[in-house]
């Protein structure tokens, strides 16, 4: 048994890159199959973060649009009257209204 251990020890010393390959292999396996550090899971989370950031950007843009509309309605009576007429399909005596569906 002692000679076998000596031979194995000598083989490992001569081929030190073998132990390095084993260590690198274990690290790679941990990266792919460990739930906490899984590379696939991290990519999935990063894609979701990007999607949510795009959604936030779109919502900010639409919020700014509605904020501008609100301010224009509050600023002038004419704008409020125009929006009410559009909403309820009403018209002034001097204008023609076309409803498109």
N, C-alpha and C. Protein backbone atom coordinates (compact mmCIF):
# COMPACT_ATOMS: atom_id res chain seq x y z
N UNK A 1 0.82 -1.18 0.00
CA UNK A 1 0.00 0.00 0.00
C UNK A 1 0.86 1.25 0.00
N UNK A 2 2.01 1.20 0.69
CA UNK A 2 2.89 2.35 0.77
C UNK A 2 3.47 2.73 -0.58
N UNK A 3 3.79 1.71 -1.41
CA UNK A 3 4.35 1.99 -2.74
C UNK A 3 3.30 2.65 -3.63
N UNK A 4 2.05 2.24 -3.48
CA UNK A 4 0.99 2.84 -4.31
C UNK A 4 0.81 4.32 -3.96
N UNK A 5 0.84 4.63 -2.67
CA UNK A 5 0.71 6.02 -2.26
C UNK A 5 1.88 6.86 -2.75
N UNK A 6 3.08 6.29 -2.71
CA UNK A 6 4.25 7.02 -3.21
C UNK A 6 4.13 7.28 -4.71
N UNK A 7 3.68 6.27 -5.45
CA UNK A 7 3.50 6.44 -6.90
C UNK A 7 2.44 7.50 -7.21
N UNK A 8 1.33 7.45 -6.44
CA UNK A 8 0.26 8.44 -6.64
C UNK A 8 0.76 9.84 -6.30
N UNK A 9 1.52 9.95 -5.24
CA UNK A 9 2.08 11.24 -4.84
C UNK A 9 3.04 11.74 -5.92
N UNK A 10 3.86 10.88 -6.45
CA UNK A 10 4.80 11.26 -7.51
C UNK A 10 4.05 11.67 -8.77
N UNK A 11 3.00 10.94 -9.10
CA UNK A 11 2.21 11.26 -10.29
C UNK A 11 1.54 12.64 -10.15
N UNK A 12 1.03 12.91 -8.96
CA UNK A 12 0.38 14.21 -8.73
C UNK A 12 1.41 15.33 -8.79
N UNK A 13 2.60 15.10 -8.25
CA UNK A 13 3.65 16.12 -8.29
C UNK A 13 4.10 16.39 -9.72
N UNK A 14 4.27 15.35 -10.51
CA UNK A 14 4.71 15.52 -11.89
C UNK A 14 3.63 16.22 -12.72
N UNK A 15 2.42 15.90 -12.44
CA UNK A 15 1.32 16.46 -13.20
C UNK A 15 0.52 17.41 -12.29
N UNK A 16 1.17 18.47 -11.89
CA UNK A 16 0.53 19.40 -10.97
C UNK A 16 -0.64 20.13 -11.63
N UNK A 17 -0.63 20.21 -12.94
CA UNK A 17 -1.76 20.83 -13.62
C UNK A 17 -3.04 20.01 -13.46
N UNK A 18 -2.90 18.74 -13.15
CA UNK A 18 -4.07 17.90 -12.93
C UNK A 18 -4.87 18.37 -11.72
N UNK A 19 -4.18 18.68 -10.63
CA UNK A 19 -4.89 19.19 -9.45
C UNK A 19 -5.50 20.56 -9.74
N UNK A 20 -4.81 21.37 -10.51
CA UNK A 20 -5.35 22.67 -10.88
C UNK A 20 -6.61 22.51 -11.72
N UNK A 21 -6.60 21.56 -12.64
CA UNK A 21 -7.78 21.29 -13.46
C UNK A 21 -8.96 20.80 -12.61
N UNK A 22 -8.65 19.97 -11.63
CA UNK A 22 -9.71 19.47 -10.75
C UNK A 22 -10.31 20.62 -9.95
N UNK A 23 -9.48 21.48 -9.42
CA UNK A 23 -9.97 22.63 -8.65
C UNK A 23 -10.81 23.56 -9.53
N UNK A 24 -10.33 23.84 -10.71
CA UNK A 24 -11.09 24.70 -11.64
C UNK A 24 -12.41 24.03 -12.02
N UNK A 25 -12.39 22.75 -12.22
CA UNK A 25 -13.62 22.02 -12.54
C UNK A 25 -14.65 22.11 -11.42
N UNK A 26 -14.19 21.98 -10.20
CA UNK A 26 -15.10 22.07 -9.05
C UNK A 26 -15.69 23.48 -8.97
N UNK A 27 -14.86 24.49 -9.19
CA UNK A 27 -15.35 25.88 -9.14
C UNK A 27 -16.39 26.12 -10.24
N UNK A 28 -16.12 25.61 -11.43
CA UNK A 28 -17.08 25.77 -12.53
C UNK A 28 -18.39 25.06 -12.21
N UNK A 29 -18.31 23.88 -11.66
CA UNK A 29 -19.52 23.16 -11.28
C UNK A 29 -20.30 23.93 -10.22
N UNK A 30 -19.60 24.53 -9.27
CA UNK A 30 -20.28 25.33 -8.25
C UNK A 30 -20.97 26.55 -8.88
N UNK A 31 -20.32 27.15 -9.86
CA UNK A 31 -20.92 28.33 -10.50
C UNK A 31 -22.21 27.98 -11.23
N UNK A 32 -22.24 26.82 -11.84
CA UNK A 32 -23.42 26.47 -12.63
C UNK A 32 -24.51 25.79 -11.84
N UNK A 33 -24.16 25.06 -10.80
CA UNK A 33 -25.17 24.24 -10.14
C UNK A 33 -25.51 24.67 -8.72
N UNK A 34 -24.79 25.59 -8.15
CA UNK A 34 -25.12 26.09 -6.83
C UNK A 34 -26.24 27.12 -6.97
N UNK A 35 -27.26 27.02 -6.15
CA UNK A 35 -28.43 27.89 -6.28
C UNK A 35 -28.10 29.35 -5.97
N UNK A 36 -27.22 29.60 -5.03
CA UNK A 36 -26.91 30.98 -4.64
C UNK A 36 -26.06 31.70 -5.66
N UNK A 37 -25.15 31.01 -6.31
CA UNK A 37 -24.23 31.65 -7.24
C UNK A 37 -24.41 31.16 -8.67
N UNK A 38 -25.55 30.62 -8.98
CA UNK A 38 -25.77 30.06 -10.30
C UNK A 38 -25.69 31.14 -11.37
N UNK A 39 -24.91 30.88 -12.37
CA UNK A 39 -24.73 31.83 -13.47
C UNK A 39 -26.04 32.02 -14.23
N UNK A 40 -26.77 30.95 -14.46
CA UNK A 40 -28.05 31.04 -15.18
C UNK A 40 -29.06 31.86 -14.38
N UNK A 41 -29.08 31.67 -13.08
CA UNK A 41 -29.99 32.43 -12.22
C UNK A 41 -29.64 33.91 -12.22
N UNK A 42 -28.34 34.22 -12.18
CA UNK A 42 -27.91 35.61 -12.23
C UNK A 42 -28.29 36.27 -13.55
N UNK A 43 -28.15 35.55 -14.65
CA UNK A 43 -28.54 36.09 -15.95
C UNK A 43 -30.05 36.33 -16.01
N UNK A 44 -30.81 35.43 -15.44
CA UNK A 44 -32.27 35.58 -15.41
C UNK A 44 -32.65 36.83 -14.61
N UNK A 45 -32.01 37.01 -13.45
CA UNK A 45 -32.29 38.18 -12.63
C UNK A 45 -31.88 39.47 -13.34
N UNK A 46 -30.77 39.45 -14.04
CA UNK A 46 -30.32 40.64 -14.75
C UNK A 46 -31.29 41.00 -15.87
N UNK A 47 -31.81 40.01 -16.58
CA UNK A 47 -32.81 40.27 -17.62
C UNK A 47 -34.07 40.87 -17.02
N UNK A 48 -34.49 40.38 -15.87
CA UNK A 48 -35.68 40.92 -15.22
C UNK A 48 -35.44 42.35 -14.75
N UNK A 49 -34.25 42.63 -14.25
CA UNK A 49 -33.92 44.00 -13.83
C UNK A 49 -33.97 44.94 -15.02
N UNK A 50 -33.42 44.53 -16.15
CA UNK A 50 -33.45 45.38 -17.35
C UNK A 50 -34.88 45.62 -17.82
N UNK A 51 -35.72 44.58 -17.78
CA UNK A 51 -37.11 44.73 -18.21
C UNK A 51 -37.85 45.69 -17.30
N UNK A 52 -37.64 45.57 -16.00
CA UNK A 52 -38.31 46.45 -15.05
C UNK A 52 -37.82 47.89 -15.17
N UNK A 53 -36.54 48.08 -15.47
CA UNK A 53 -36.04 49.44 -15.66
C UNK A 53 -36.65 50.09 -16.89
N UNK A 54 -36.83 49.30 -17.96
CA UNK A 54 -37.50 49.83 -19.16
C UNK A 54 -38.95 50.18 -18.85
N UNK A 55 -39.61 49.35 -18.06
CA UNK A 55 -41.00 49.63 -17.69
C UNK A 55 -41.10 50.90 -16.83
N UNK A 56 -40.14 51.09 -15.94
CA UNK A 56 -40.12 52.31 -15.12
C UNK A 56 -39.94 53.54 -16.00
N UNK A 57 -39.07 53.42 -16.99
CA UNK A 57 -38.83 54.55 -17.90
C UNK A 57 -40.11 54.90 -18.67
N UNK A 58 -40.82 53.88 -19.16
CA UNK A 58 -42.06 54.13 -19.89
C UNK A 58 -43.12 54.75 -18.99
N UNK A 59 -43.20 54.27 -17.75
CA UNK A 59 -44.19 54.83 -16.82
C UNK A 59 -43.86 56.26 -16.44
N UNK A 60 -42.59 56.58 -16.32
CA UNK A 60 -42.21 57.97 -16.03
C UNK A 60 -42.59 58.88 -17.18
N UNK A 61 -42.39 58.40 -18.43
CA UNK A 61 -42.76 59.20 -19.59
C UNK A 61 -44.26 59.44 -19.64
N UNK A 62 -45.05 58.39 -19.39
CA UNK A 62 -46.50 58.56 -19.44
C UNK A 62 -46.98 59.42 -18.28
N UNK A 63 -46.33 59.32 -17.14
CA UNK A 63 -46.70 60.16 -15.99
C UNK A 63 -46.43 61.63 -16.31
N UNK A 64 -45.33 61.89 -16.99
CA UNK A 64 -45.02 63.28 -17.38
C UNK A 64 -46.06 63.80 -18.36
N UNK A 65 -46.50 62.96 -19.29
CA UNK A 65 -47.52 63.37 -20.26
C UNK A 65 -48.82 63.72 -19.55
N UNK A 66 -49.25 62.86 -18.63
CA UNK A 66 -50.50 63.14 -17.92
C UNK A 66 -50.36 64.33 -16.98
N UNK A 67 -49.19 64.53 -16.45
CA UNK A 67 -48.96 65.70 -15.60
C UNK A 67 -49.10 66.98 -16.42
N UNK A 68 -48.56 66.97 -17.65
CA UNK A 68 -48.69 68.14 -18.54
C UNK A 68 -50.16 68.38 -18.90
N UNK A 69 -50.88 67.30 -19.20
CA UNK A 69 -52.30 67.45 -19.52
C UNK A 69 -53.06 68.03 -18.34
N UNK A 70 -52.76 67.55 -17.16
CA UNK A 70 -53.43 68.03 -15.95
C UNK A 70 -53.16 69.51 -15.73
N UNK A 71 -51.92 69.91 -15.90
CA UNK A 71 -51.58 71.32 -15.72
C UNK A 71 -52.25 72.20 -16.76
N UNK A 72 -52.35 71.70 -18.00
CA UNK A 72 -53.01 72.50 -19.04
C UNK A 72 -54.51 72.61 -18.76
N UNK A 73 -55.12 71.57 -18.20
CA UNK A 73 -56.54 71.63 -17.86
C UNK A 73 -56.76 72.59 -16.70
N UNK A 74 -55.89 72.53 -15.72
CA UNK A 74 -56.03 73.42 -14.57
C UNK A 74 -55.73 74.87 -14.92
N UNK A 75 -54.90 75.09 -15.93
CA UNK A 75 -54.47 76.45 -16.27
C UNK A 75 -55.56 77.22 -17.02
N UNK A 76 -56.32 76.54 -17.88
CA UNK A 76 -57.27 77.29 -18.69
C UNK A 76 -58.63 76.62 -18.78
N UNK A 77 -59.65 77.45 -18.80
CA UNK A 77 -61.02 76.94 -18.88
C UNK A 77 -61.33 76.40 -20.27
N UNK A 78 -60.71 76.99 -21.29
CA UNK A 78 -60.94 76.55 -22.67
C UNK A 78 -60.50 75.10 -22.89
N UNK A 79 -59.38 74.74 -22.31
CA UNK A 79 -58.88 73.38 -22.45
C UNK A 79 -59.80 72.39 -21.74
N UNK A 80 -60.29 72.75 -20.58
CA UNK A 80 -61.21 71.90 -19.84
C UNK A 80 -62.50 71.70 -20.62
N UNK A 81 -62.99 72.78 -21.22
CA UNK A 81 -64.22 72.69 -22.01
C UNK A 81 -64.01 71.82 -23.23
N UNK A 82 -62.87 71.95 -23.89
CA UNK A 82 -62.58 71.15 -25.07
C UNK A 82 -62.52 69.67 -24.71
N UNK A 83 -61.87 69.33 -23.61
CA UNK A 83 -61.78 67.92 -23.19
C UNK A 83 -63.15 67.36 -22.82
N UNK A 84 -63.98 68.17 -22.18
CA UNK A 84 -65.33 67.70 -21.81
C UNK A 84 -66.16 67.46 -23.07
N UNK A 85 -66.05 68.34 -24.04
CA UNK A 85 -66.81 68.14 -25.29
C UNK A 85 -66.34 66.88 -26.01
N UNK A 86 -65.03 66.65 -26.05
CA UNK A 86 -64.52 65.44 -26.70
C UNK A 86 -64.98 64.19 -25.97
N UNK A 87 -64.97 64.24 -24.67
CA UNK A 87 -65.31 63.07 -23.87
C UNK A 87 -66.79 62.68 -24.03
N UNK A 88 -67.67 63.67 -24.05
CA UNK A 88 -69.11 63.39 -24.06
C UNK A 88 -69.75 63.64 -25.42
N UNK A 89 -68.94 63.76 -26.47
CA UNK A 89 -69.41 63.95 -27.85
C UNK A 89 -70.39 65.11 -27.96
N UNK A 90 -70.03 66.22 -27.39
CA UNK A 90 -70.86 67.42 -27.46
C UNK A 90 -70.24 68.38 -28.46
N UNK A 91 -70.99 69.37 -28.86
CA UNK A 91 -70.47 70.32 -29.83
C UNK A 91 -71.02 71.71 -29.56
N UNK A 92 -70.27 72.70 -30.08
CA UNK A 92 -70.76 74.07 -30.06
C UNK A 92 -71.64 74.25 -31.28
N UNK A 93 -72.37 75.33 -31.31
CA UNK A 93 -73.24 75.58 -32.46
C UNK A 93 -72.45 75.81 -33.74
N UNK A 94 -71.26 76.29 -33.62
CA UNK A 94 -70.49 76.66 -34.80
C UNK A 94 -69.51 75.59 -35.26
N UNK A 95 -69.51 74.44 -34.66
CA UNK A 95 -68.53 73.43 -35.07
C UNK A 95 -69.20 72.11 -35.48
N UNK A 96 -68.52 71.39 -36.33
CA UNK A 96 -68.97 70.07 -36.76
C UNK A 96 -68.19 69.01 -36.00
N UNK A 97 -68.88 67.95 -35.62
CA UNK A 97 -68.23 66.87 -34.86
C UNK A 97 -68.31 65.60 -35.67
N UNK A 98 -67.18 64.95 -35.80
CA UNK A 98 -67.11 63.66 -36.49
C UNK A 98 -66.66 62.60 -35.51
N UNK A 99 -67.45 61.56 -35.35
CA UNK A 99 -67.11 60.47 -34.45
C UNK A 99 -66.61 59.31 -35.29
N UNK A 100 -65.39 58.90 -35.04
CA UNK A 100 -64.79 57.82 -35.79
C UNK A 100 -64.62 56.63 -34.86
N UNK A 101 -65.15 55.49 -35.27
CA UNK A 101 -65.01 54.28 -34.46
C UNK A 101 -64.30 53.21 -35.21
